[in-house]
């Protein structure tokens, strides 16, 4: 099974905005969101990490971080 990531805004249980095209028909999703007033418990964090740990196996984090930094900073030199 492949994974696609889009950013979305859900307000009052209704989808208000999606930054990418979604496929037609029904899709199953996992929602992970931040709450400012509720810190995650250790068990919840471990569960989230276990569920999402294999999604980006083929990505080199150091290279991706370098690309992001280069795009953010105009005069960044390696």
C-alpha atoms as a PDB file:
ATOM      1  CA  UNK A   1       0.000   0.000   0.000  1.00  0.00           C
ATOM      2  CA  UNK A   2       1.325   3.435  -0.929  1.00  0.00           C
ATOM      3  CA  UNK A   3       0.983   6.626   1.047  1.00  0.00           C
ATOM      4  CA  UNK A   4       0.182  10.150  -0.103  1.00  0.00           C
ATOM      5  CA  UNK A   5       0.285  13.190   2.147  1.00  0.00           C
ATOM      6  CA  UNK A   6      -1.865  16.296   1.726  1.00  0.00           C
ATOM      7  CA  UNK A   7      -2.452  19.096   4.165  1.00  0.00           C
ATOM      8  CA  UNK A   8      -6.058  19.789   5.042  1.00  0.00           C
ATOM      9  CA  UNK A   9      -8.200  21.904   7.308  1.00  0.00           C
ATOM     10  CA  UNK A  10     -11.145  20.234   8.976  1.00  0.00           C
ATOM     11  CA  UNK A  11     -13.448  22.574  10.836  1.00  0.00           C
ATOM     12  CA  UNK A  12     -16.381  21.381  12.949  1.00  0.00           C
ATOM     13  CA  UNK A  13     -16.090  17.925  11.377  1.00  0.00           C
ATOM     14  CA  UNK A  14     -16.253  19.286   7.812  1.00  0.00           C
ATOM     15  CA  UNK A  15     -13.398  19.277   5.300  1.00  0.00           C
ATOM     16  CA  UNK A  16     -12.756  22.967   4.481  1.00  0.00           C
ATOM     17  CA  UNK A  17      -9.453  22.921   2.575  1.00  0.00           C
ATOM     18  CA  UNK A  18      -7.098  20.403   0.938  1.00  0.00           C
ATOM     19  CA  UNK A  19      -3.787  21.418  -0.681  1.00  0.00           C
ATOM     20  CA  UNK A  20      -3.792  18.525  -3.147  1.00  0.00           C
ATOM     21  CA  UNK A  21      -6.139  16.488  -5.298  1.00  0.00           C
ATOM     22  CA  UNK A  22      -7.881  13.563  -3.625  1.00  0.00           C
ATOM     23  CA  UNK A  23      -8.951  10.444  -5.520  1.00  0.00           C
ATOM     24  CA  UNK A  24     -12.605   9.857  -6.361  1.00  0.00           C
ATOM     25  CA  UNK A  25     -14.627   7.559  -4.162  1.00  0.00           C
ATOM     26  CA  UNK A  26     -14.041   6.575  -0.578  1.00  0.00           C
ATOM     27  CA  UNK A  27     -10.602   6.846   1.034  1.00  0.00           C
ATOM     28  CA  UNK A  28      -9.437   5.667   4.440  1.00  0.00           C
ATOM     29  CA  UNK A  29      -7.333   8.174   6.365  1.00  0.00           C
ATOM     30  CA  UNK A  30      -5.441   8.482   9.643  1.00  0.00           C
ATOM     31  CA  UNK A  31      -5.650  11.927  11.175  1.00  0.00           C
ATOM     32  CA  UNK A  32      -2.771  13.124  13.322  1.00  0.00           C
ATOM     33  CA  UNK A  33      -3.145  16.605  14.719  1.00  0.00           C
ATOM     34  CA  UNK A  34      -1.526  18.864  17.295  1.00  0.00           C
ATOM     35  CA  UNK A  35      -3.262  20.173  20.376  1.00  0.00           C
ATOM     36  CA  UNK A  36      -1.776  23.093  22.226  1.00  0.00           C
ATOM     37  CA  UNK A  37      -3.489  22.334  25.510  1.00  0.00           C
ATOM     38  CA  UNK A  38      -3.037  18.542  25.661  1.00  0.00           C
ATOM     39  CA  UNK A  39       0.485  17.112  25.680  1.00  0.00           C
ATOM     40  CA  UNK A  40       0.748  13.596  24.271  1.00  0.00           C
ATOM     41  CA  UNK A  41       1.254  10.814  26.736  1.00  0.00           C
ATOM     42  CA  UNK A  42       4.244   8.535  26.305  1.00  0.00           C
ATOM     43  CA  UNK A  43       2.078   5.562  25.247  1.00  0.00           C
ATOM     44  CA  UNK A  44       0.265   7.664  22.637  1.00  0.00           C
ATOM     45  CA  UNK A  45       3.564   8.920  21.205  1.00  0.00           C
ATOM     46  CA  UNK A  46       4.940   5.374  20.984  1.00  0.00           C
ATOM     47  CA  UNK A  47       1.778   4.223  19.173  1.00  0.00           C
ATOM     48  CA  UNK A  48       1.975   7.074  16.638  1.00  0.00           C
ATOM     49  CA  UNK A  49       5.658   6.384  15.988  1.00  0.00           C
ATOM     50  CA  UNK A  50       4.988   2.674  15.512  1.00  0.00           C
ATOM     51  CA  UNK A  51       2.180   3.385  13.021  1.00  0.00           C
ATOM     52  CA  UNK A  52       4.161   5.898  10.952  1.00  0.00           C
ATOM     53  CA  UNK A  53       7.759   4.675  11.245  1.00  0.00           C
ATOM     54  CA  UNK A  54       7.900   2.804   7.918  1.00  0.00           C
ATOM     55  CA  UNK A  55       6.334   5.447   5.692  1.00  0.00           C
ATOM     56  CA  UNK A  56       9.575   7.145   4.590  1.00  0.00           C
ATOM     57  CA  UNK A  57      12.111   4.297   4.634  1.00  0.00           C
ATOM     58  CA  UNK A  58      13.725   5.255   1.303  1.00  0.00           C
ATOM     59  CA  UNK A  59      14.265   8.939   2.180  1.00  0.00           C
ATOM     60  CA  UNK A  60      17.675  10.163   3.327  1.00  0.00           C
ATOM     61  CA  UNK A  61      16.808  12.628   6.101  1.00  0.00           C
ATOM     62  CA  UNK A  62      20.142  14.495   5.968  1.00  0.00           C
ATOM     63  CA  UNK A  63      19.847  15.137   2.222  1.00  0.00           C
ATOM     64  CA  UNK A  64      16.224  16.234   2.536  1.00  0.00           C
ATOM     65  CA  UNK A  65      17.112  18.586   5.402  1.00  0.00           C
ATOM     66  CA  UNK A  66      19.896  20.103   3.290  1.00  0.00           C
ATOM     67  CA  UNK A  67      17.500  20.658   0.357  1.00  0.00           C
ATOM     68  CA  UNK A  68      14.961  22.313   2.631  1.00  0.00           C
ATOM     69  CA  UNK A  69      17.567  24.570   4.193  1.00  0.00           C
ATOM     70  CA  UNK A  70      18.861  25.597   0.763  1.00  0.00           C
ATOM     71  CA  UNK A  71      15.345  26.518  -0.321  1.00  0.00           C
ATOM     72  CA  UNK A  72      14.775  28.594   2.838  1.00  0.00           C
ATOM     73  CA  UNK A  73      18.096  30.470   2.884  1.00  0.00           C
ATOM     74  CA  UNK A  74      19.195  32.433  -0.174  1.00  0.00           C
ATOM     75  CA  UNK A  75      22.913  32.590   0.671  1.00  0.00           C
ATOM     76  CA  UNK A  76      23.284  29.121   2.197  1.00  0.00           C
ATOM     77  CA  UNK A  77      26.620  27.479   1.321  1.00  0.00           C
ATOM     78  CA  UNK A  78      27.375  23.808   1.817  1.00  0.00           C
END
